[in-house]
Full PDB file with SEQRES, HELIX, SHEET, SSBOND, CRYST1, ORIGX, SCALE, CONECT and MASTER records, all heavy atoms in Angstrom:
SEQRES   1 A   33  ALA LYS ILE ILE CYS HIS ALA ARG SER THR ALA GLU GLU          
SEQRES   2 A   33  LYS ALA ALA ALA ILE ALA SER LEU VAL THR ILE TYR GLU          
SEQRES   3 A   33  ASP ILE ASP ASP LYS GLU PHE                                  
HELIX    1 AA1 LYS A    2  CYS A    5  1                                   4    
HELIX    2 AA2 ALA A   11  ILE A   24  1                                  14    
CRYST1    1.000    1.000    1.000  90.00  90.00  90.00 P 1           1          
ORIGX1      1.000000  0.000000  0.000000        0.00000                         
ORIGX2      0.000000  1.000000  0.000000        0.00000                         
ORIGX3      0.000000  0.000000  1.000000        0.00000                         
SCALE1      1.000000  0.000000  0.000000        0.00000                         
SCALE2      0.000000  1.000000  0.000000        0.00000                         
SCALE3      0.000000  0.000000  1.000000        0.00000                         
ATOM      1  N   ALA A   1      90.499   6.495   1.843  1.00  0.00           N  
ATOM      2  CA  ALA A   1      91.242   5.309   1.530  1.00  0.00           C  
ATOM      3  C   ALA A   1      91.961   5.516   0.138  1.00  0.00           C  
ATOM      4  O   ALA A   1      93.046   5.035  -0.011  1.00  0.00           O  
ATOM      5  CB  ALA A   1      90.320   4.091   1.453  1.00  0.00           C  
ATOM      6  N   LYS A   2      91.301   6.229  -0.798  1.00  0.00           N  
ATOM      7  CA  LYS A   2      91.905   6.507  -2.099  1.00  0.00           C  
ATOM      8  C   LYS A   2      93.119   7.384  -1.891  1.00  0.00           C  
ATOM      9  O   LYS A   2      94.181   7.232  -2.609  1.00  0.00           O  
ATOM     10  CB  LYS A   2      90.887   7.124  -3.006  1.00  0.00           C  
ATOM     11  CG  LYS A   2      89.944   6.111  -3.540  1.00  0.00           C  
ATOM     12  CD  LYS A   2      88.902   6.868  -4.511  1.00  0.00           C  
ATOM     13  CE  LYS A   2      87.887   5.888  -4.978  1.00  0.00           C  
ATOM     14  NZ  LYS A   2      86.874   6.534  -5.892  1.00  0.00           N  
ATOM     15  N   ILE A   3      93.038   8.373  -0.986  1.00  0.00           N  
ATOM     16  CA  ILE A   3      94.193   9.205  -0.754  1.00  0.00           C  
ATOM     17  C   ILE A   3      95.328   8.404  -0.209  1.00  0.00           C  
ATOM     18  O   ILE A   3      96.490   8.560  -0.599  1.00  0.00           O  
ATOM     19  CB  ILE A   3      93.817  10.306   0.224  1.00  0.00           C  
ATOM     20  CG1 ILE A   3      92.917  11.333  -0.385  1.00  0.00           C  
ATOM     21  CG2 ILE A   3      95.080  11.034   0.793  1.00  0.00           C  
ATOM     22  CD1 ILE A   3      92.293  12.314   0.522  1.00  0.00           C  
ATOM     23  N   ILE A   4      95.084   7.477   0.691  1.00  0.00           N  
ATOM     24  CA  ILE A   4      96.105   6.649   1.220  1.00  0.00           C  
ATOM     25  C   ILE A   4      96.770   5.714   0.175  1.00  0.00           C  
ATOM     26  O   ILE A   4      98.012   5.572   0.171  1.00  0.00           O  
ATOM     27  CB  ILE A   4      95.525   5.668   2.410  1.00  0.00           C  
ATOM     28  CG1 ILE A   4      95.133   6.561   3.544  1.00  0.00           C  
ATOM     29  CG2 ILE A   4      96.530   4.614   2.840  1.00  0.00           C  
ATOM     30  CD1 ILE A   4      94.223   5.838   4.605  1.00  0.00           C  
ATOM     31  N   CYS A   5      95.986   5.293  -0.750  1.00  0.00           N  
ATOM     32  CA  CYS A   5      96.498   4.401  -1.779  1.00  0.00           C  
ATOM     33  C   CYS A   5      97.125   5.114  -2.959  1.00  0.00           C  
ATOM     34  O   CYS A   5      97.891   4.504  -3.707  1.00  0.00           O  
ATOM     35  CB  CYS A   5      95.384   3.524  -2.367  1.00  0.00           C  
ATOM     36  SG  CYS A   5      94.750   2.244  -1.131  1.00  0.00           S  
ATOM     37  N   HIS A   6      96.791   6.413  -3.179  1.00  0.00           N  
ATOM     38  CA  HIS A   6      97.220   7.069  -4.436  1.00  0.00           C  
ATOM     39  C   HIS A   6      98.689   7.361  -4.396  1.00  0.00           C  
ATOM     40  O   HIS A   6      99.172   7.786  -3.366  1.00  0.00           O  
ATOM     41  CB  HIS A   6      96.432   8.341  -4.547  1.00  0.00           C  
ATOM     42  CG  HIS A   6      96.500   8.879  -5.962  1.00  0.00           C  
ATOM     43  ND1 HIS A   6      97.653   9.637  -6.435  1.00  0.00           N  
ATOM     44  CD2 HIS A   6      95.635   8.790  -6.997  1.00  0.00           C  
ATOM     45  CE1 HIS A   6      97.445  10.019  -7.642  1.00  0.00           C  
ATOM     46  NE2 HIS A   6      96.166   9.569  -8.029  1.00  0.00           N  
ATOM     47  N   ALA A   7      99.440   7.022  -5.452  1.00  0.00           N  
ATOM     48  CA  ALA A   7     100.849   7.131  -5.501  1.00  0.00           C  
ATOM     49  C   ALA A   7     101.328   8.602  -5.435  1.00  0.00           C  
ATOM     50  O   ALA A   7     102.408   8.933  -5.001  1.00  0.00           O  
ATOM     51  CB  ALA A   7     101.415   6.560  -6.793  1.00  0.00           C  
ATOM     52  N   ARG A   8     100.434   9.553  -5.830  1.00  0.00           N  
ATOM     53  CA  ARG A   8     100.830  10.941  -5.891  1.00  0.00           C  
ATOM     54  C   ARG A   8     100.470  11.751  -4.661  1.00  0.00           C  
ATOM     55  O   ARG A   8     100.719  12.940  -4.567  1.00  0.00           O  
ATOM     56  CB  ARG A   8     100.168  11.631  -7.171  1.00  0.00           C  
ATOM     57  CG  ARG A   8     100.913  10.928  -8.402  1.00  0.00           C  
ATOM     58  CD  ARG A   8     100.622  11.694  -9.598  1.00  0.00           C  
ATOM     59  NE  ARG A   8     101.347  12.978  -9.603  1.00  0.00           N  
ATOM     60  CZ  ARG A   8     101.294  13.929 -10.514  1.00  0.00           C  
ATOM     61  NH1 ARG A   8     100.492  13.723 -11.543  1.00  0.00           N  
ATOM     62  NH2 ARG A   8     101.992  15.063 -10.350  1.00  0.00           N  
ATOM     63  N   SER A   9      99.796  11.114  -3.653  1.00  0.00           N  
ATOM     64  CA  SER A   9      99.490  11.682  -2.390  1.00  0.00           C  
ATOM     65  C   SER A   9     100.741  11.964  -1.662  1.00  0.00           C  
ATOM     66  O   SER A   9     101.631  11.069  -1.622  1.00  0.00           O  
ATOM     67  CB  SER A   9      98.531  10.849  -1.585  1.00  0.00           C  
ATOM     68  OG  SER A   9      97.244  10.754  -2.209  1.00  0.00           O  
ATOM     69  N   THR A  10     100.840  13.058  -0.935  1.00  0.00           N  
ATOM     70  CA  THR A  10     101.974  13.340  -0.168  1.00  0.00           C  
ATOM     71  C   THR A  10     101.958  12.533   1.123  1.00  0.00           C  
ATOM     72  O   THR A  10     100.909  12.040   1.530  1.00  0.00           O  
ATOM     73  CB  THR A  10     102.136  14.852   0.166  1.00  0.00           C  
ATOM     74  OG1 THR A  10     100.985  15.131   1.074  1.00  0.00           O  
ATOM     75  CG2 THR A  10     102.161  15.701  -1.024  1.00  0.00           C  
ATOM     76  N   ALA A  11     103.108  12.302   1.754  1.00  0.00           N  
ATOM     77  CA  ALA A  11     103.244  11.578   3.038  1.00  0.00           C  
ATOM     78  C   ALA A  11     102.319  12.248   4.060  1.00  0.00           C  
ATOM     79  O   ALA A  11     101.708  11.609   4.846  1.00  0.00           O  
ATOM     80  CB  ALA A  11     104.662  11.571   3.477  1.00  0.00           C  
ATOM     81  N   GLU A  12     102.294  13.643   4.063  1.00  0.00           N  
ATOM     82  CA  GLU A  12     101.489  14.339   5.044  1.00  0.00           C  
ATOM     83  C   GLU A  12      99.980  14.112   4.786  1.00  0.00           C  
ATOM     84  O   GLU A  12      99.284  13.913   5.708  1.00  0.00           O  
ATOM     85  CB  GLU A  12     101.741  15.842   4.938  1.00  0.00           C  
ATOM     86  CG  GLU A  12     103.149  16.283   5.382  1.00  0.00           C  
ATOM     87  CD  GLU A  12     104.127  16.196   4.315  1.00  0.00           C  
ATOM     88  OE1 GLU A  12     103.889  15.757   3.106  1.00  0.00           O  
ATOM     89  OE2 GLU A  12     105.284  16.685   4.526  1.00  0.00           O  
ATOM     90  N   GLU A  13      99.579  14.040   3.531  1.00  0.00           N  
ATOM     91  CA  GLU A  13      98.195  13.755   3.197  1.00  0.00           C  
ATOM     92  C   GLU A  13      97.789  12.323   3.692  1.00  0.00           C  
ATOM     93  O   GLU A  13      96.726  12.127   4.236  1.00  0.00           O  
ATOM     94  CB  GLU A  13      97.905  13.946   1.676  1.00  0.00           C  
ATOM     95  CG  GLU A  13      97.806  15.308   1.286  1.00  0.00           C  
ATOM     96  CD  GLU A  13      97.566  15.461  -0.209  1.00  0.00           C  
ATOM     97  OE1 GLU A  13      98.178  14.661  -0.950  1.00  0.00           O  
ATOM     98  OE2 GLU A  13      96.767  16.288  -0.574  1.00  0.00           O  
ATOM     99  N   LYS A  14      98.718  11.370   3.380  1.00  0.00           N  
ATOM    100  CA  LYS A  14      98.407  10.018   3.739  1.00  0.00           C  
ATOM    101  C   LYS A  14      98.323   9.901   5.294  1.00  0.00           C  
ATOM    102  O   LYS A  14      97.436   9.236   5.775  1.00  0.00           O  
ATOM    103  CB  LYS A  14      99.548   9.075   3.285  1.00  0.00           C  
ATOM    104  CG  LYS A  14      99.475   8.856   1.750  1.00  0.00           C  
ATOM    105  CD  LYS A  14     100.575   7.957   1.327  1.00  0.00           C  
ATOM    106  CE  LYS A  14     100.614   7.891  -0.248  1.00  0.00           C  
ATOM    107  NZ  LYS A  14     101.579   6.903  -0.823  1.00  0.00           N  
ATOM    108  N   ALA A  15      99.155  10.519   6.036  1.00  0.00           N  
ATOM    109  CA  ALA A  15      99.193  10.511   7.462  1.00  0.00           C  
ATOM    110  C   ALA A  15      97.877  11.152   8.043  1.00  0.00           C  
ATOM    111  O   ALA A  15      97.234  10.575   8.904  1.00  0.00           O  
ATOM    112  CB  ALA A  15     100.426  11.252   8.047  1.00  0.00           C  
ATOM    113  N   ALA A  16      97.504  12.221   7.404  1.00  0.00           N  
ATOM    114  CA  ALA A  16      96.263  12.883   7.850  1.00  0.00           C  
ATOM    115  C   ALA A  16      95.106  12.105   7.549  1.00  0.00           C  
ATOM    116  O   ALA A  16      94.101  11.922   8.371  1.00  0.00           O  
ATOM    117  CB  ALA A  16      96.119  14.271   7.147  1.00  0.00           C  
ATOM    118  N   ALA A  17      95.023  11.397   6.366  1.00  0.00           N  
ATOM    119  CA  ALA A  17      93.881  10.526   5.995  1.00  0.00           C  
ATOM    120  C   ALA A  17      93.838   9.315   6.950  1.00  0.00           C  
ATOM    121  O   ALA A  17      92.786   8.986   7.371  1.00  0.00           O  
ATOM    122  CB  ALA A  17      94.138  10.110   4.597  1.00  0.00           C  
ATOM    123  N   ILE A  18      95.012   8.787   7.249  1.00  0.00           N  
ATOM    124  CA  ILE A  18      94.949   7.617   8.243  1.00  0.00           C  
ATOM    125  C   ILE A  18      94.500   8.054   9.630  1.00  0.00           C  
ATOM    126  O   ILE A  18      93.659   7.399  10.125  1.00  0.00           O  
ATOM    127  CB  ILE A  18      96.417   6.989   8.366  1.00  0.00           C  
ATOM    128  CG1 ILE A  18      96.693   6.182   7.106  1.00  0.00           C  
ATOM    129  CG2 ILE A  18      96.493   6.090   9.548  1.00  0.00           C  
ATOM    130  CD1 ILE A  18      98.161   5.777   7.016  1.00  0.00           C  
ATOM    131  N   ALA A  19      94.938   9.199  10.074  1.00  0.00           N  
ATOM    132  CA  ALA A  19      94.430   9.700  11.396  1.00  0.00           C  
ATOM    133  C   ALA A  19      93.009  10.010  11.358  1.00  0.00           C  
ATOM    134  O   ALA A  19      92.260   9.716  12.337  1.00  0.00           O  
ATOM    135  CB  ALA A  19      95.311  11.017  11.733  1.00  0.00           C  
ATOM    136  N   SER A  20      92.461  10.592  10.284  1.00  0.00           N  
ATOM    137  CA  SER A  20      91.003  10.871  10.208  1.00  0.00           C  
ATOM    138  C   SER A  20      90.226   9.669  10.154  1.00  0.00           C  
ATOM    139  O   SER A  20      89.161   9.437  10.766  1.00  0.00           O  
ATOM    140  CB  SER A  20      90.767  11.680   9.009  1.00  0.00           C  
ATOM    141  OG  SER A  20      91.311  13.037   9.164  1.00  0.00           O  
ATOM    142  N   LEU A  21      90.708   8.560   9.362  1.00  0.00           N  
ATOM    143  CA  LEU A  21      89.991   7.377   9.273  1.00  0.00           C  
ATOM    144  C   LEU A  21      89.894   6.617  10.577  1.00  0.00           C  
ATOM    145  O   LEU A  21      88.880   6.088  10.976  1.00  0.00           O  
ATOM    146  CB  LEU A  21      90.617   6.429   8.239  1.00  0.00           C  
ATOM    147  CG  LEU A  21      90.187   6.598   6.796  1.00  0.00           C  
ATOM    148  CD1 LEU A  21      91.016   5.868   5.808  1.00  0.00           C  
ATOM    149  CD2 LEU A  21      88.636   6.257   6.664  1.00  0.00           C  
ATOM    150  N   VAL A  22      90.989   6.649  11.339  1.00  0.00           N  
ATOM    151  CA  VAL A  22      91.038   6.006  12.583  1.00  0.00           C  
ATOM    152  C   VAL A  22      89.923   6.645  13.581  1.00  0.00           C  
ATOM    153  O   VAL A  22      89.266   5.871  14.302  1.00  0.00           O  
ATOM    154  CB  VAL A  22      92.456   6.128  13.321  1.00  0.00           C  
ATOM    155  CG1 VAL A  22      92.412   5.729  14.672  1.00  0.00           C  
ATOM    156  CG2 VAL A  22      93.386   5.192  12.491  1.00  0.00           C  
ATOM    157  N   THR A  23      89.786   7.903  13.554  1.00  0.00           N  
ATOM    158  CA  THR A  23      88.850   8.592  14.448  1.00  0.00           C  
ATOM    159  C   THR A  23      87.375   8.258  13.996  1.00  0.00           C  
ATOM    160  O   THR A  23      86.503   8.215  14.877  1.00  0.00           O  
ATOM    161  CB  THR A  23      88.920  10.054  14.477  1.00  0.00           C  
ATOM    162  OG1 THR A  23      88.750  10.583  13.146  1.00  0.00           O  
ATOM    163  CG2 THR A  23      90.288  10.464  15.019  1.00  0.00           C  
ATOM    164  N   ILE A  24      87.262   7.901  12.785  1.00  0.00           N  
ATOM    165  CA  ILE A  24      85.826   7.588  12.223  1.00  0.00           C  
ATOM    166  C   ILE A  24      85.486   6.216  12.592  1.00  0.00           C  
ATOM    167  O   ILE A  24      84.322   5.940  12.916  1.00  0.00           O  
ATOM    168  CB  ILE A  24      85.823   7.709  10.713  1.00  0.00           C  
ATOM    169  CG1 ILE A  24      85.950   9.216  10.350  1.00  0.00           C  
ATOM    170  CG2 ILE A  24      84.551   7.200  10.136  1.00  0.00           C  
ATOM    171  CD1 ILE A  24      86.205   9.427   8.809  1.00  0.00           C  
ATOM    172  N   TYR A  25      86.378   5.260  12.679  1.00  0.00           N  
ATOM    173  CA  TYR A  25      86.070   3.832  13.113  1.00  0.00           C  
ATOM    174  C   TYR A  25      85.665   3.704  14.534  1.00  0.00           C  
ATOM    175  O   TYR A  25      86.380   4.180  15.430  1.00  0.00           O  
ATOM    176  CB  TYR A  25      87.304   2.917  12.857  1.00  0.00           C  
ATOM    177  CG  TYR A  25      87.424   2.508  11.437  1.00  0.00           C  
ATOM    178  CD1 TYR A  25      88.208   3.169  10.495  1.00  0.00           C  
ATOM    179  CD2 TYR A  25      86.788   1.285  10.951  1.00  0.00           C  
ATOM    180  CE1 TYR A  25      88.282   2.708   9.155  1.00  0.00           C  
ATOM    181  CE2 TYR A  25      86.938   0.856   9.654  1.00  0.00           C  
ATOM    182  CZ  TYR A  25      87.662   1.557   8.808  1.00  0.00           C  
ATOM    183  OH  TYR A  25      87.814   1.160   7.527  1.00  0.00           O  
ATOM    184  N   GLU A  26      84.551   3.127  14.795  1.00  0.00           N  
ATOM    185  CA  GLU A  26      84.081   2.804  16.120  1.00  0.00           C  
ATOM    186  C   GLU A  26      84.269   1.373  16.415  1.00  0.00           C  
ATOM    187  O   GLU A  26      84.511   0.964  17.531  1.00  0.00           O  
ATOM    188  CB  GLU A  26      82.625   3.095  16.234  1.00  0.00           C  
ATOM    189  CG  GLU A  26      82.251   4.572  16.129  1.00  0.00           C  
ATOM    190  CD  GLU A  26      80.757   4.888  16.075  1.00  0.00           C  
ATOM    191  OE1 GLU A  26      79.968   3.929  16.122  1.00  0.00           O  
ATOM    192  OE2 GLU A  26      80.438   5.987  15.984  1.00  0.00           O  
ATOM    193  N   ASP A  27      84.333   0.513  15.338  1.00  0.00           N  
ATOM    194  CA  ASP A  27      84.620  -0.933  15.351  1.00  0.00           C  
ATOM    195  C   ASP A  27      85.015  -1.373  13.976  1.00  0.00           C  
ATOM    196  O   ASP A  27      84.748  -0.697  12.996  1.00  0.00           O  
ATOM    197  CB  ASP A  27      83.383  -1.644  15.836  1.00  0.00           C  
ATOM    198  CG  ASP A  27      83.697  -3.083  16.264  1.00  0.00           C  
ATOM    199  OD1 ASP A  27      84.919  -3.363  16.532  1.00  0.00           O  
ATOM    200  OD2 ASP A  27      82.730  -3.896  16.347  1.00  0.00           O  
ATOM    201  N   ILE A  28      85.629  -2.497  13.829  1.00  0.00           N  
ATOM    202  CA  ILE A  28      85.944  -3.016  12.456  1.00  0.00           C  
ATOM    203  C   ILE A  28      85.611  -4.540  12.551  1.00  0.00           C  
ATOM    204  O   ILE A  28      85.876  -5.282  13.511  1.00  0.00           O  
ATOM    205  CB  ILE A  28      87.458  -2.802  12.118  1.00  0.00           C  
ATOM    206  CG1 ILE A  28      87.692  -3.242  10.768  1.00  0.00           C  
ATOM    207  CG2 ILE A  28      88.366  -3.427  13.226  1.00  0.00           C  
ATOM    208  CD1 ILE A  28      89.028  -2.758  10.247  1.00  0.00           C  
ATOM    209  N   ASP A  29      84.887  -4.896  11.490  1.00  0.00           N  
ATOM    210  CA  ASP A  29      84.609  -6.386  11.333  1.00  0.00           C  
ATOM    211  C   ASP A  29      85.783  -7.234  10.932  1.00  0.00           C  
ATOM    212  O   ASP A  29      86.724  -6.573  10.328  1.00  0.00           O  
ATOM    213  CB  ASP A  29      83.346  -6.626  10.566  1.00  0.00           C  
ATOM    214  CG  ASP A  29      83.507  -6.164   9.132  1.00  0.00           C  
ATOM    215  OD1 ASP A  29      84.635  -6.241   8.600  1.00  0.00           O  
ATOM    216  OD2 ASP A  29      82.468  -5.852   8.424  1.00  0.00           O  
ATOM    217  N   ASP A  30      85.649  -8.435  11.120  1.00  0.00           N  
ATOM    218  CA  ASP A  30      86.829  -9.303  10.734  1.00  0.00           C  
ATOM    219  C   ASP A  30      87.175  -9.280   9.261  1.00  0.00           C  
ATOM    220  O   ASP A  30      88.384  -9.276   8.954  1.00  0.00           O  
ATOM    221  CB  ASP A  30      86.563 -10.812  11.199  1.00  0.00           C  
ATOM    222  CG  ASP A  30      86.566 -10.938  12.684  1.00  0.00           C  
ATOM    223  OD1 ASP A  30      87.238 -10.106  13.351  1.00  0.00           O  
ATOM    224  OD2 ASP A  30      85.900 -11.870  13.236  1.00  0.00           O  
ATOM    225  N   LYS A  31      86.184  -9.239   8.423  1.00  0.00           N  
ATOM    226  CA  LYS A  31      86.389  -9.227   6.989  1.00  0.00           C  
ATOM    227  C   LYS A  31      87.198  -8.005   6.530  1.00  0.00           C  
ATOM    228  O   LYS A  31      88.155  -8.077   5.849  1.00  0.00           O  
ATOM    229  CB  LYS A  31      85.137  -9.364   6.249  1.00  0.00           C  
ATOM    230  CG  LYS A  31      85.309  -9.478   4.717  1.00  0.00           C  
ATOM    231  CD  LYS A  31      83.906  -9.516   3.999  1.00  0.00           C  
ATOM    232  CE  LYS A  31      84.207  -9.511   2.451  1.00  0.00           C  
ATOM    233  NZ  LYS A  31      83.223  -8.924   1.719  1.00  0.00           N  
ATOM    234  N   GLU A  32      86.707  -6.903   6.966  1.00  0.00           N  
ATOM    235  CA  GLU A  32      87.403  -5.601   6.575  1.00  0.00           C  
ATOM    236  C   GLU A  32      88.809  -5.584   7.155  1.00  0.00           C  
ATOM    237  O   GLU A  32      89.674  -5.129   6.466  1.00  0.00           O  
ATOM    238  CB  GLU A  32      86.591  -4.405   7.155  1.00  0.00           C  
ATOM    239  CG  GLU A  32      87.032  -3.070   6.671  1.00  0.00           C  
ATOM    240  CD  GLU A  32      86.225  -1.972   7.102  1.00  0.00           C  
ATOM    241  OE1 GLU A  32      85.297  -2.123   7.914  1.00  0.00           O  
ATOM    242  OE2 GLU A  32      86.477  -0.829   6.602  1.00  0.00           O  
ATOM    243  N   PHE A  33      88.950  -6.010   8.407  1.00  0.00           N  
ATOM    244  CA  PHE A  33      90.276  -5.987   8.967  1.00  0.00           C  
ATOM    245  C   PHE A  33      91.234  -6.888   8.245  1.00  0.00           C  
ATOM    246  O   PHE A  33      92.370  -6.549   7.943  1.00  0.00           O  
ATOM    247  CB  PHE A  33      90.149  -6.511  10.451  1.00  0.00           C  
ATOM    248  CG  PHE A  33      91.536  -6.626  11.129  1.00  0.00           C  
ATOM    249  CD1 PHE A  33      92.261  -5.502  11.494  1.00  0.00           C  
ATOM    250  CD2 PHE A  33      92.085  -7.872  11.454  1.00  0.00           C  
ATOM    251  CE1 PHE A  33      93.451  -5.657  12.105  1.00  0.00           C  
ATOM    252  CE2 PHE A  33      93.309  -7.969  12.023  1.00  0.00           C  
ATOM    253  CZ  PHE A  33      94.026  -6.850  12.358  1.00  0.00           C  
TER     254      PHE A  33                                                      
MASTER        0    0    0    2    0    0    0    6  253    1    0    3          
END                                                                             
C-alpha cells in the first residue's frame, strides 16, 4: 500500500503492487472498502 501511495514509485511498481494486493485479498470488510 505504501508503494501504491508513494509519489516516487514508478507506474509499473504501482501496477505490480495493486495486482499483488488483489491476489492476497480473499474478502474485504465494509470499513476497509
